[in-house]
N, C-alpha and C. Protein backbone atom coordinates (compact mmCIF):
# COMPACT_ATOMS: atom_id res chain seq x y z
N TRP A 1 115.55 7.64 249.51
CA TRP A 1 114.88 7.97 248.49
C TRP A 1 116.01 8.31 247.54
N ALA A 2 117.10 8.76 248.06
CA ALA A 2 118.37 9.02 246.87
C ALA A 2 118.71 7.65 246.29
N THR A 3 118.88 6.52 246.97
CA THR A 3 119.47 5.18 246.52
C THR A 3 118.25 5.05 245.40
N ARG A 4 117.05 4.83 245.97
CA ARG A 4 116.21 4.48 244.73
C ARG A 4 116.10 5.47 243.61
N ALA A 5 116.42 6.59 243.67
CA ALA A 5 116.33 7.60 242.57
C ALA A 5 117.37 7.32 241.56
N ARG A 6 118.67 6.79 242.44
CA ARG A 6 119.91 6.59 241.19
C ARG A 6 119.86 5.12 240.73
N PHE A 7 118.98 4.29 241.66
CA PHE A 7 118.80 2.88 240.93
C PHE A 7 117.93 3.07 240.00
N ALA A 8 116.74 3.93 240.08
CA ALA A 8 115.74 4.19 238.86
C ALA A 8 116.72 5.03 237.82
N PHE A 9 117.41 5.77 237.90
CA PHE A 9 118.20 6.43 236.71
C PHE A 9 119.05 5.73 236.02
N THR A 10 119.56 4.78 236.89
CA THR A 10 120.74 3.53 236.09
C THR A 10 119.96 2.74 235.41
N ALA A 11 119.02 2.07 236.08
CA ALA A 11 117.97 1.27 235.27
C ALA A 11 117.45 1.94 233.64
N TRP A 12 116.94 3.26 233.91
CA TRP A 12 116.50 3.78 232.75
C TRP A 12 117.42 4.05 231.88
N VAL A 13 118.72 4.51 232.11
CA VAL A 13 120.05 4.72 231.28
C VAL A 13 120.53 3.23 230.65
N ALA A 14 120.37 2.24 231.25
CA ALA A 14 121.09 0.70 231.01
C ALA A 14 119.79 0.10 229.91
N LEU A 15 118.38 0.58 230.31
CA LEU A 15 117.69 -0.14 229.56
C LEU A 15 117.63 0.95 228.22
N SER A 16 117.82 2.11 228.25
CA SER A 16 117.71 2.70 226.91
C SER A 16 119.07 2.35 226.05
N ILE A 17 120.20 2.62 226.67
CA ILE A 17 121.06 2.06 225.83
C ILE A 17 121.21 0.50 225.31
N PHE A 18 120.35 -0.44 226.24
CA PHE A 18 120.33 -1.69 225.25
C PHE A 18 119.38 -1.53 224.38
N VAL A 19 118.18 -1.15 224.59
CA VAL A 19 117.25 -0.93 223.67
C VAL A 19 117.90 -0.13 222.24
N GLY A 20 118.58 0.84 222.43
CA GLY A 20 119.32 1.72 221.21
C GLY A 20 120.07 0.82 220.63
N VAL A 21 121.09 -0.17 221.14
CA VAL A 21 121.95 -1.02 220.53
C VAL A 21 121.55 -2.25 219.93
N ALA A 22 120.05 -2.51 220.43
CA ALA A 22 119.34 -3.60 219.71
C ALA A 22 118.64 -3.31 218.53
N MET A 23 117.93 -1.79 218.80
CA MET A 23 117.55 -1.52 217.22
C MET A 23 118.22 -1.22 216.16
N VAL A 24 119.72 -1.09 216.25
CA VAL A 24 120.43 -0.77 215.20
C VAL A 24 120.15 -1.61 214.20
N PRO A 25 120.36 -3.42 214.28
CA PRO A 25 120.20 -4.01 213.35
C PRO A 25 118.57 -4.08 212.62
N TYR A 26 117.88 -3.79 213.50
CA TYR A 26 116.56 -3.64 213.33
C TYR A 26 116.36 -2.62 212.19
N PHE A 27 116.70 -1.53 212.38
CA PHE A 27 116.43 -0.52 211.61
C PHE A 27 117.25 -0.43 210.27
N ALA A 28 118.70 -1.29 210.27
CA ALA A 28 119.17 -1.50 209.06
C ALA A 28 118.71 -2.33 207.97
N SER A 29 118.12 -3.07 208.58
CA SER A 29 117.10 -4.25 208.10
C SER A 29 116.04 -3.81 207.02
N GLY A 30 115.56 -2.15 207.00
CA GLY A 30 114.76 -1.65 206.26
C GLY A 30 113.34 -1.99 206.55
N PRO A 31 112.67 -2.02 207.61
CA PRO A 31 111.80 -2.50 208.08
C PRO A 31 110.51 -1.30 207.42
N ARG A 32 109.44 -1.61 207.17
CA ARG A 32 108.34 -0.88 206.99
C ARG A 32 107.37 -0.44 208.01
N LEU A 33 107.72 0.83 208.48
CA LEU A 33 107.73 1.55 209.50
C LEU A 33 106.35 2.03 209.63
N PHE A 34 105.63 2.87 208.66
CA PHE A 34 104.67 3.65 208.40
C PHE A 34 104.12 3.45 207.09
N ASP A 35 102.92 3.70 206.43
CA ASP A 35 102.48 3.87 205.09
C ASP A 35 102.95 5.05 204.79
N GLY A 36 103.24 5.46 203.73
CA GLY A 36 103.74 6.36 203.07
C GLY A 36 105.32 6.58 203.10
N ASN A 37 105.98 5.56 203.48
CA ASN A 37 107.30 5.74 203.67
C ASN A 37 108.11 5.88 201.92
N TYR A 38 107.90 7.02 201.33
CA TYR A 38 108.39 7.29 199.92
C TYR A 38 109.45 6.63 199.64
N ALA A 39 110.58 6.58 200.50
CA ALA A 39 111.68 5.65 200.16
C ALA A 39 111.96 4.04 199.92
N SER A 40 110.32 3.64 200.41
CA SER A 40 110.24 2.04 200.44
C SER A 40 110.19 1.60 198.85
N ALA A 41 110.36 0.35 198.73
CA ALA A 41 110.50 -0.31 197.66
C ALA A 41 109.41 -0.25 196.70
N GLU A 42 108.06 0.00 197.51
CA GLU A 42 106.77 0.12 196.83
C GLU A 42 106.84 1.07 196.17
N PHE A 43 107.16 2.42 196.39
CA PHE A 43 107.03 3.95 196.16
C PHE A 43 108.17 3.84 195.12
N ALA A 44 109.32 2.89 195.01
CA ALA A 44 110.27 3.09 193.91
C ALA A 44 109.45 2.25 192.78
N SER A 45 108.88 1.30 192.90
CA SER A 45 108.04 0.85 191.64
C SER A 45 107.31 1.65 191.07
N VAL A 46 106.65 2.57 191.95
CA VAL A 46 105.56 3.50 191.39
C VAL A 46 106.18 4.50 190.83
N ARG A 47 107.44 5.15 190.91
CA ARG A 47 108.29 6.12 190.37
C ARG A 47 108.60 5.25 189.00
N ALA A 48 108.82 4.28 188.68
CA ALA A 48 109.26 3.42 187.59
C ALA A 48 108.21 2.58 186.77
N ASN A 49 107.15 2.76 187.17
CA ASN A 49 105.85 2.45 186.53
C ASN A 49 105.58 2.67 185.39
N VAL A 50 105.17 1.72 184.63
CA VAL A 50 105.15 1.91 182.85
C VAL A 50 104.07 3.01 182.60
N ALA A 51 102.92 3.23 183.45
CA ALA A 51 101.65 4.06 183.43
C ALA A 51 102.45 5.15 182.94
N LEU A 52 103.38 5.90 183.43
CA LEU A 52 104.10 7.08 183.76
C LEU A 52 104.59 7.55 182.61
N LYS A 53 105.16 6.54 181.77
CA LYS A 53 105.93 6.78 180.37
C LYS A 53 104.65 7.16 179.38
N ALA A 54 103.32 7.26 179.57
CA ALA A 54 102.29 7.51 178.84
C ALA A 54 101.46 8.71 178.93
N LEU A 55 102.48 9.56 180.47
CA LEU A 55 101.94 10.76 180.48
C LEU A 55 102.03 11.58 179.17
N PRO A 56 101.06 12.42 178.80
CA PRO A 56 101.39 13.79 177.68
C PRO A 56 102.28 14.31 177.90
N ARG A 57 102.81 14.31 176.90
CA ARG A 57 104.42 15.83 177.16
C ARG A 57 103.83 16.95 177.42
N GLY A 58 104.09 17.94 178.23
CA GLY A 58 104.07 19.25 178.61
C GLY A 58 102.63 19.20 179.59
N CYS A 59 102.14 18.12 179.71
CA CYS A 59 101.03 18.08 180.71
C CYS A 59 101.24 18.40 182.35
N TYR A 60 100.72 19.56 182.72
CA TYR A 60 100.42 20.36 183.84
C TYR A 60 99.78 18.78 184.93
N THR A 61 100.81 18.20 185.64
CA THR A 61 100.46 17.17 186.41
C THR A 61 100.15 17.22 188.10
N TYR A 62 99.15 16.72 188.28
CA TYR A 62 98.43 16.45 189.45
C TYR A 62 98.56 15.09 189.92
N SER A 63 98.76 15.09 191.33
CA SER A 63 98.95 13.67 191.95
C SER A 63 98.20 13.62 193.43
N ASN A 64 97.53 12.48 193.92
CA ASN A 64 97.22 12.34 195.21
C ASN A 64 98.34 11.98 196.45
N LEU A 65 99.45 11.59 195.61
CA LEU A 65 100.75 11.56 196.07
C LEU A 65 101.99 12.03 195.30
N PRO A 66 102.02 13.24 195.28
CA PRO A 66 103.32 14.06 194.38
C PRO A 66 104.57 13.61 195.04
N ASN A 67 104.54 13.49 196.32
CA ASN A 67 105.71 13.42 197.16
C ASN A 67 106.71 11.82 196.75
N ALA A 68 105.40 11.23 196.38
CA ALA A 68 106.04 9.48 196.11
C ALA A 68 106.49 9.86 194.48
N LEU A 69 106.17 10.69 193.78
CA LEU A 69 106.58 10.59 192.35
C LEU A 69 108.11 11.39 192.11
N TYR A 70 108.51 11.92 192.90
CA TYR A 70 109.66 12.81 193.09
C TYR A 70 110.91 11.99 193.37
N PRO A 71 111.87 11.95 192.64
CA PRO A 71 112.32 13.12 191.60
C PRO A 71 112.35 12.48 190.24
N ALA A 72 111.26 11.53 190.03
CA ALA A 72 110.63 11.15 188.88
C ALA A 72 109.99 11.56 187.73
N LEU A 73 109.26 12.71 188.89
CA LEU A 73 108.22 13.43 187.95
C LEU A 73 107.49 14.50 189.16
N GLY A 74 107.87 15.70 188.53
CA GLY A 74 107.33 16.82 189.19
C GLY A 74 105.58 17.02 189.04
N SER A 75 105.05 16.97 190.35
CA SER A 75 103.84 16.88 190.31
C SER A 75 103.17 18.08 191.28
N HIS A 76 102.07 18.22 191.13
CA HIS A 76 101.34 19.08 192.14
C HIS A 76 100.34 18.31 193.09
N TRP A 77 100.10 19.01 194.05
CA TRP A 77 98.97 17.91 195.06
C TRP A 77 97.81 18.09 193.97
N SER A 78 96.64 17.04 193.84
CA SER A 78 95.46 16.52 193.37
C SER A 78 94.37 17.67 194.01
N PRO A 79 93.45 18.19 193.49
CA PRO A 79 92.39 19.26 194.06
C PRO A 79 91.95 18.59 195.45
N ALA A 80 91.93 19.78 196.25
CA ALA A 80 91.58 19.84 197.64
C ALA A 80 90.29 20.40 198.30
N ARG A 81 89.85 19.94 199.28
CA ARG A 81 88.61 20.54 199.83
C ARG A 81 88.74 21.29 201.16
N THR A 82 88.01 21.94 201.45
CA THR A 82 88.05 22.54 202.42
C THR A 82 87.84 21.63 203.80
N ALA A 83 88.68 21.29 204.56
CA ALA A 83 88.52 20.22 205.68
C ALA A 83 88.75 20.82 206.91
N MET A 84 88.64 19.67 207.91
CA MET A 84 88.64 19.82 209.43
C MET A 84 90.08 20.69 209.63
N GLU A 85 91.45 20.19 208.86
CA GLU A 85 92.42 20.81 209.06
C GLU A 85 92.49 21.89 209.27
N SER A 86 91.51 22.95 208.18
CA SER A 86 91.59 24.14 208.41
C SER A 86 90.27 24.94 208.02
N ASN A 87 89.81 25.89 208.43
CA ASN A 87 88.46 26.50 208.21
C ASN A 87 88.97 27.35 206.67
N GLN A 88 89.96 27.72 206.31
CA GLN A 88 90.04 28.60 205.12
C GLN A 88 89.57 27.82 204.03
N THR A 89 88.81 28.34 203.14
CA THR A 89 88.08 27.93 201.89
C THR A 89 88.95 27.71 201.06
N VAL A 90 89.05 26.35 200.52
CA VAL A 90 90.00 26.02 199.22
C VAL A 90 89.32 26.12 197.92
N ASP A 91 89.62 26.65 197.16
CA ASP A 91 88.93 27.06 195.63
C ASP A 91 89.43 26.03 194.65
N ASP A 92 90.31 25.31 194.83
CA ASP A 92 90.84 24.23 193.75
C ASP A 92 90.01 23.71 192.83
N VAL A 93 88.63 23.21 193.00
CA VAL A 93 87.72 22.93 191.92
C VAL A 93 87.43 23.96 190.83
N ALA A 94 87.14 24.90 191.57
CA ALA A 94 86.68 26.44 190.98
C ALA A 94 87.80 26.56 189.84
N ARG A 95 89.08 26.85 190.68
CA ARG A 95 90.17 27.14 189.97
C ARG A 95 90.66 26.40 188.78
N LEU A 96 90.84 24.92 188.92
CA LEU A 96 91.08 24.12 187.97
C LEU A 96 90.07 24.10 186.74
N THR A 97 88.46 24.15 187.40
CA THR A 97 87.52 24.30 186.29
C THR A 97 87.57 25.58 185.31
N ARG A 98 88.08 26.49 185.91
CA ARG A 98 88.55 28.22 185.03
C ARG A 98 89.61 27.40 184.12
N GLN A 99 90.46 26.82 184.56
CA GLN A 99 92.02 26.61 183.71
C GLN A 99 91.36 25.79 182.49
N LEU A 100 90.29 24.57 182.90
CA LEU A 100 90.11 23.76 181.92
C LEU A 100 89.31 24.43 180.58
N GLY A 101 88.27 25.44 181.48
CA GLY A 101 87.68 26.20 180.18
C GLY A 101 88.50 27.08 179.29
N SER A 102 89.47 27.66 179.70
CA SER A 102 90.50 28.27 179.12
C SER A 102 91.10 27.81 177.89
N SER A 103 91.27 28.43 176.80
CA SER A 103 91.67 27.81 175.52
C SER A 103 93.38 27.90 175.61
N THR A 104 93.79 28.57 176.68
CA THR A 104 95.27 28.49 176.69
C THR A 104 95.76 28.02 177.77
N GLY A 105 96.97 27.67 177.93
CA GLY A 105 97.72 26.72 179.24
C GLY A 105 97.77 25.59 178.50
N PRO A 106 98.64 24.87 179.84
CA PRO A 106 98.95 23.45 179.51
C PRO A 106 97.86 22.52 179.43
N ARG A 107 97.65 21.22 178.94
CA ARG A 107 97.02 20.06 179.34
C ARG A 107 97.20 20.00 180.75
N ARG A 108 95.77 19.24 181.34
CA ARG A 108 96.09 18.98 182.67
C ARG A 108 95.65 17.22 183.07
N CYS A 109 96.56 16.87 183.93
CA CYS A 109 96.56 15.48 184.01
C CYS A 109 96.67 14.96 185.57
N LEU A 110 96.28 13.96 185.77
CA LEU A 110 96.08 13.37 186.87
C LEU A 110 96.75 11.79 187.14
N VAL A 111 97.72 11.74 188.11
CA VAL A 111 98.54 10.54 188.22
C VAL A 111 97.94 10.22 189.69
N TRP A 112 96.86 9.12 189.53
CA TRP A 112 96.12 8.57 190.83
C TRP A 112 97.31 7.34 191.28
N ILE A 113 97.60 7.32 192.54
CA ILE A 113 98.28 6.16 193.02
C ILE A 113 97.57 5.48 194.50
N ASP A 114 97.21 4.35 194.13
CA ASP A 114 96.25 3.61 194.87
C ASP A 114 96.86 2.66 195.94
N LEU A 115 97.54 3.62 197.06
CA LEU A 115 98.37 3.21 197.84
C LEU A 115 98.18 4.16 199.28
N PRO A 116 98.56 3.74 200.12
CA PRO A 116 98.42 4.82 201.50
C PRO A 116 99.65 5.50 201.29
N PRO A 117 99.56 6.64 202.08
CA PRO A 117 98.54 7.33 202.85
C PRO A 117 97.80 8.09 202.01
N VAL A 118 96.36 8.03 202.56
CA VAL A 118 95.04 9.03 202.16
C VAL A 118 95.03 10.06 202.93
N TYR A 119 95.08 11.02 202.06
CA TYR A 119 94.90 12.78 202.82
C TYR A 119 93.40 13.00 202.71
N GLY A 120 93.26 13.24 203.83
CA GLY A 120 91.72 13.62 203.92
C GLY A 120 91.21 15.03 203.49
N ASN A 121 92.07 16.00 203.23
CA ASN A 121 91.55 16.87 202.59
C ASN A 121 91.55 17.32 201.26
N LEU A 122 92.29 15.70 200.35
CA LEU A 122 92.16 15.98 199.22
C LEU A 122 90.79 15.37 198.85
N LEU A 123 90.47 15.69 197.56
CA LEU A 123 89.13 15.26 196.88
C LEU A 123 89.49 13.58 196.33
N THR A 124 88.64 12.79 196.78
CA THR A 124 88.78 11.18 196.20
C THR A 124 88.82 11.00 195.02
N LEU A 125 89.13 10.19 194.25
CA LEU A 125 88.75 9.88 192.50
C LEU A 125 87.23 10.04 192.54
N LYS A 126 86.55 9.24 193.36
CA LYS A 126 84.89 9.48 192.64
C LYS A 126 84.63 10.79 193.02
N GLN A 127 84.84 11.93 194.10
CA GLN A 127 84.75 13.09 193.71
C GLN A 127 85.11 14.05 192.73
N LEU A 128 86.50 13.43 192.42
CA LEU A 128 87.09 14.27 191.25
C LEU A 128 86.05 14.07 190.00
N ARG A 129 85.43 12.73 190.05
CA ARG A 129 84.78 12.43 188.82
C ARG A 129 83.43 13.08 188.90
N GLN A 130 82.91 13.43 189.92
CA GLN A 130 81.98 14.20 189.91
C GLN A 130 81.95 15.52 189.39
N HIS A 131 83.26 15.90 189.56
CA HIS A 131 83.41 17.42 189.06
C HIS A 131 84.03 17.66 187.63
N PHE A 132 84.77 16.59 187.40
CA PHE A 132 85.52 16.93 186.21
C PHE A 132 85.51 15.21 185.24
N ASP A 133 85.14 15.50 183.94
CA ASP A 133 85.59 14.39 183.08
C ASP A 133 86.88 14.14 182.92
N LEU A 134 87.38 12.71 183.30
CA LEU A 134 88.74 12.13 183.13
C LEU A 134 88.47 11.30 182.39
N HIS A 135 89.54 11.31 181.41
CA HIS A 135 89.87 9.88 180.43
C HIS A 135 91.30 9.31 180.65
N THR A 136 91.04 8.37 180.81
CA THR A 136 92.13 7.24 181.17
C THR A 136 93.16 7.28 180.28
N VAL A 137 94.37 7.73 180.36
CA VAL A 137 95.56 7.17 179.42
C VAL A 137 96.26 6.24 179.39
N SER A 138 96.47 5.77 180.70
CA SER A 138 97.06 4.23 181.13
C SER A 138 97.24 4.18 182.33
N ARG A 139 97.21 2.58 182.37
CA ARG A 139 97.21 2.25 183.95
C ARG A 139 98.19 0.99 183.82
N GLY A 140 98.88 0.79 185.35
CA GLY A 140 99.83 0.06 185.52
C GLY A 140 99.94 -0.21 187.13
N GLY A 141 98.78 -1.40 187.32
CA GLY A 141 99.35 -1.75 188.55
C GLY A 141 98.51 -0.77 189.77
N ASP A 142 99.27 0.01 190.40
CA ASP A 142 98.63 0.76 191.36
C ASP A 142 98.56 2.61 190.91
N VAL A 143 98.94 2.52 189.75
CA VAL A 143 99.02 3.68 189.14
C VAL A 143 98.10 3.73 187.75
N THR A 144 97.62 4.88 187.96
CA THR A 144 96.97 5.37 186.71
C THR A 144 97.11 6.88 186.47
N VAL A 145 97.05 6.98 185.11
CA VAL A 145 97.11 8.25 184.50
C VAL A 145 95.96 8.83 183.90
N TYR A 146 95.41 9.86 184.12
CA TYR A 146 94.29 10.50 183.74
C TYR A 146 94.70 11.85 183.13
N GLU A 147 93.86 12.01 182.24
CA GLU A 147 93.64 13.61 181.56
C GLU A 147 92.41 14.16 181.81
N PHE A 148 92.53 15.55 182.43
CA PHE A 148 91.33 15.94 182.62
C PHE A 148 90.81 16.60 181.15
N SER A 149 89.31 15.94 180.75
CA SER A 149 89.00 16.41 179.37
C SER A 149 87.94 17.55 179.54
N GLY A 150 87.57 17.98 180.69
CA GLY A 150 86.42 19.00 180.85
C GLY A 150 86.14 19.07 182.16
N SER A 151 84.97 20.10 182.65
CA SER A 151 84.67 20.19 183.50
C SER A 151 83.23 19.76 183.47
N LYS A 152 82.56 19.35 184.65
CA LYS A 152 80.68 18.99 184.38
C LYS A 152 80.09 20.19 184.91
């Protein structure tokens, strides 16, 4: 058993070193390993999208993928709903409805990015339109900028 154990251990170490060395050029090539790699060229083009230039000045901004916009634009998560991830009640829709009904405070905008990943706890664009009036400000490829003009 001792000989077999030494052989298995040596084979495992050799295989690990071989795979590690072989993977260096692969990772250096910048492969697309998973959806939502915010350092990818796809999201670099999102941050440079012309639609973002039309974002109204001083607009409090939400996005379905705010991490994809950083550091070009500071954004907050778009309204969420109570989901399977937690049973804690989420009141984002009610809070945003109150804020839109207030005469004070900044305008509210939404930067919607039609790329994965899609987070299950966030309201979809269709669901947002059921609760709020969204006015299209600008559109460019996978990016659309909306302004919340009221609640329904």
